[in-house]
């Protein structure tokens, strides 16, 4: 498994815990919003930030996509 995929799984798991979601709910949200592709495309920048910033960034991305 690539380091990008491991990071994506980490992001989904942490987001799930932060938002009180089930795994399937979090995964569906990431797929519907395009967050999965965003995280993989921006891996080089995102994997260097702290967890709190990362969760805020992902949450902001998902919220923007839900408004569109």
N, C-alpha and C. Protein backbone atom coordinates (compact mmCIF):
# COMPACT_ATOMS: atom_id res chain seq x y z
N UNK A 1 0.85 -1.17 0.00
CA UNK A 1 0.00 0.00 0.00
C UNK A 1 0.90 1.24 0.00
N UNK A 2 0.54 2.21 -0.81
CA UNK A 2 1.35 3.42 -0.93
C UNK A 2 1.20 4.31 0.30
N UNK A 3 2.14 5.19 0.48
CA UNK A 3 2.07 6.12 1.61
C UNK A 3 0.90 7.09 1.46
N UNK A 4 0.54 7.41 0.21
CA UNK A 4 -0.61 8.28 -0.03
C UNK A 4 -1.90 7.62 0.42
N UNK A 5 -2.04 6.33 0.12
CA UNK A 5 -3.24 5.60 0.53
C UNK A 5 -3.29 5.45 2.04
N UNK A 6 -2.16 5.21 2.67
CA UNK A 6 -2.12 5.13 4.13
C UNK A 6 -2.54 6.45 4.74
N UNK A 7 -2.10 7.54 4.15
CA UNK A 7 -2.46 8.87 4.64
C UNK A 7 -3.95 9.13 4.45
N UNK A 8 -4.49 8.72 3.32
CA UNK A 8 -5.92 8.87 3.06
C UNK A 8 -6.73 8.12 4.12
N UNK A 9 -6.33 6.91 4.42
CA UNK A 9 -7.03 6.12 5.43
C UNK A 9 -6.94 6.82 6.79
N UNK A 10 -5.77 7.33 7.12
CA UNK A 10 -5.60 8.08 8.36
C UNK A 10 -6.57 9.26 8.41
N UNK A 11 -6.67 10.01 7.32
CA UNK A 11 -7.55 11.17 7.27
C UNK A 11 -9.01 10.77 7.46
N UNK A 12 -9.43 9.73 6.80
CA UNK A 12 -10.81 9.26 6.93
C UNK A 12 -11.09 8.83 8.36
N UNK A 13 -10.19 8.08 8.94
CA UNK A 13 -10.37 7.60 10.32
C UNK A 13 -10.42 8.76 11.31
N UNK A 14 -9.52 9.70 11.19
CA UNK A 14 -9.51 10.84 12.10
C UNK A 14 -10.74 11.71 11.92
N UNK A 15 -11.15 11.92 10.68
CA UNK A 15 -12.35 12.71 10.40
C UNK A 15 -13.58 12.03 10.97
N UNK A 16 -13.64 10.74 10.81
CA UNK A 16 -14.75 9.95 11.35
C UNK A 16 -14.85 10.13 12.86
N UNK A 17 -13.75 10.00 13.54
CA UNK A 17 -13.74 10.16 15.00
C UNK A 17 -14.10 11.58 15.41
N UNK A 18 -13.56 12.55 14.70
CA UNK A 18 -13.81 13.96 15.03
C UNK A 18 -15.29 14.32 14.87
N UNK A 19 -15.93 13.76 13.86
CA UNK A 19 -17.32 14.12 13.55
C UNK A 19 -18.34 13.12 14.11
N UNK A 20 -17.87 12.06 14.75
CA UNK A 20 -18.78 11.06 15.30
C UNK A 20 -19.54 10.28 14.24
N UNK A 21 -18.86 9.99 13.14
CA UNK A 21 -19.47 9.26 12.03
C UNK A 21 -19.08 7.80 12.06
N UNK A 22 -19.84 6.99 11.36
CA UNK A 22 -19.45 5.60 11.12
C UNK A 22 -18.52 5.58 9.92
N UNK A 23 -17.77 4.52 9.79
CA UNK A 23 -16.81 4.41 8.69
C UNK A 23 -17.44 4.59 7.32
N UNK A 24 -18.57 3.93 7.10
CA UNK A 24 -19.24 4.02 5.80
C UNK A 24 -19.73 5.44 5.52
N UNK A 25 -20.19 6.12 6.57
CA UNK A 25 -20.65 7.50 6.40
C UNK A 25 -19.50 8.41 6.00
N UNK A 26 -18.38 8.26 6.68
CA UNK A 26 -17.21 9.09 6.38
C UNK A 26 -16.70 8.81 4.97
N UNK A 27 -16.61 7.55 4.62
CA UNK A 27 -16.13 7.20 3.29
C UNK A 27 -17.05 7.75 2.20
N UNK A 28 -18.36 7.64 2.40
CA UNK A 28 -19.32 8.17 1.43
C UNK A 28 -19.17 9.68 1.31
N UNK A 29 -18.99 10.36 2.41
CA UNK A 29 -18.81 11.81 2.41
C UNK A 29 -17.55 12.20 1.65
N UNK A 30 -16.47 11.48 1.86
CA UNK A 30 -15.22 11.75 1.16
C UNK A 30 -15.37 11.50 -0.34
N UNK A 31 -16.08 10.46 -0.71
CA UNK A 31 -16.26 10.16 -2.13
C UNK A 31 -17.19 11.15 -2.80
N UNK A 32 -18.30 11.49 -2.17
CA UNK A 32 -19.28 12.42 -2.75
C UNK A 32 -18.71 13.83 -2.92
N UNK A 33 -17.89 14.24 -1.97
CA UNK A 33 -17.37 15.61 -2.01
C UNK A 33 -16.11 15.75 -2.85
N UNK A 34 -15.47 14.66 -3.15
CA UNK A 34 -14.20 14.71 -3.86
C UNK A 34 -13.01 14.87 -2.93
N UNK A 35 -13.25 14.77 -1.62
CA UNK A 35 -12.17 14.92 -0.65
C UNK A 35 -11.10 13.85 -0.82
N UNK A 36 -11.51 12.69 -1.23
CA UNK A 36 -10.55 11.60 -1.44
C UNK A 36 -9.51 12.00 -2.50
N UNK A 37 -9.99 12.51 -3.62
CA UNK A 37 -9.09 12.93 -4.70
C UNK A 37 -8.25 14.12 -4.26
N UNK A 38 -8.87 15.05 -3.53
CA UNK A 38 -8.16 16.23 -3.03
C UNK A 38 -6.99 15.81 -2.14
N UNK A 39 -7.23 14.92 -1.21
CA UNK A 39 -6.18 14.48 -0.29
C UNK A 39 -5.05 13.78 -1.04
N UNK A 40 -5.40 12.93 -1.98
CA UNK A 40 -4.37 12.22 -2.74
C UNK A 40 -3.57 13.19 -3.62
N UNK A 41 -4.25 14.15 -4.24
CA UNK A 41 -3.58 15.11 -5.11
C UNK A 41 -2.68 16.07 -4.33
N UNK A 42 -3.07 16.39 -3.10
CA UNK A 42 -2.34 17.36 -2.28
C UNK A 42 -1.54 16.69 -1.17
N UNK A 43 -1.26 15.42 -1.32
CA UNK A 43 -0.56 14.67 -0.28
C UNK A 43 0.71 15.35 0.17
N UNK A 44 1.54 15.79 -0.76
CA UNK A 44 2.84 16.36 -0.41
C UNK A 44 2.72 17.54 0.55
N UNK A 45 1.69 18.36 0.40
CA UNK A 45 1.49 19.50 1.30
C UNK A 45 0.75 19.08 2.56
N UNK A 46 -0.29 18.29 2.41
CA UNK A 46 -1.15 17.96 3.54
C UNK A 46 -0.48 17.08 4.59
N UNK A 47 0.38 16.20 4.19
CA UNK A 47 0.97 15.28 5.17
C UNK A 47 1.97 15.98 6.09
N UNK A 48 2.28 17.23 5.81
CA UNK A 48 3.24 17.96 6.64
C UNK A 48 2.58 18.82 7.71
N UNK A 49 1.26 18.92 7.70
CA UNK A 49 0.57 19.79 8.65
C UNK A 49 0.08 19.00 9.86
N UNK A 50 -0.26 19.70 10.92
CA UNK A 50 -0.77 19.05 12.12
C UNK A 50 -2.19 18.53 11.94
N UNK A 51 -2.58 17.64 12.84
CA UNK A 51 -3.89 17.00 12.74
C UNK A 51 -5.03 18.02 12.82
N UNK A 52 -4.94 18.98 13.71
CA UNK A 52 -6.02 19.95 13.87
C UNK A 52 -6.22 20.75 12.57
N UNK A 53 -5.12 21.24 12.00
CA UNK A 53 -5.22 21.98 10.74
C UNK A 53 -5.74 21.08 9.63
N UNK A 54 -5.28 19.87 9.59
CA UNK A 54 -5.70 18.92 8.57
C UNK A 54 -7.21 18.68 8.63
N UNK A 55 -7.73 18.46 9.83
CA UNK A 55 -9.17 18.23 9.99
C UNK A 55 -9.96 19.47 9.60
N UNK A 56 -9.48 20.65 9.94
CA UNK A 56 -10.16 21.89 9.56
C UNK A 56 -10.16 22.07 8.05
N UNK A 57 -9.03 21.75 7.43
CA UNK A 57 -8.91 21.88 5.98
C UNK A 57 -9.86 20.93 5.26
N UNK A 58 -9.89 19.69 5.69
CA UNK A 58 -10.77 18.70 5.07
C UNK A 58 -12.23 19.09 5.29
N UNK A 59 -12.57 19.51 6.51
CA UNK A 59 -13.94 19.92 6.81
C UNK A 59 -14.35 21.11 5.94
N UNK A 60 -13.47 22.07 5.80
CA UNK A 60 -13.76 23.23 4.94
C UNK A 60 -13.95 22.81 3.50
N UNK A 61 -13.13 21.90 3.02
CA UNK A 61 -13.25 21.41 1.64
C UNK A 61 -14.61 20.74 1.44
N UNK A 62 -14.99 19.87 2.37
CA UNK A 62 -16.25 19.15 2.26
C UNK A 62 -17.43 20.12 2.31
N UNK A 63 -17.38 21.09 3.21
CA UNK A 63 -18.47 22.07 3.32
C UNK A 63 -18.63 22.87 2.04
N UNK A 64 -17.52 23.29 1.46
CA UNK A 64 -17.57 24.06 0.19
C UNK A 64 -18.20 23.21 -0.91
N UNK A 65 -17.85 21.97 -0.98
CA UNK A 65 -18.39 21.08 -2.02
C UNK A 65 -19.86 20.81 -1.81
N UNK A 66 -20.32 20.78 -0.55
CA UNK A 66 -21.72 20.52 -0.27
C UNK A 66 -22.58 21.73 -0.64
N UNK A 67 -22.01 22.93 -0.58
CA UNK A 67 -22.73 24.16 -0.96
C UNK A 67 -22.89 24.28 -2.46
N UNK A 68 -21.96 23.72 -3.20
CA UNK A 68 -21.97 23.88 -4.67
C UNK A 68 -23.07 23.09 -5.33
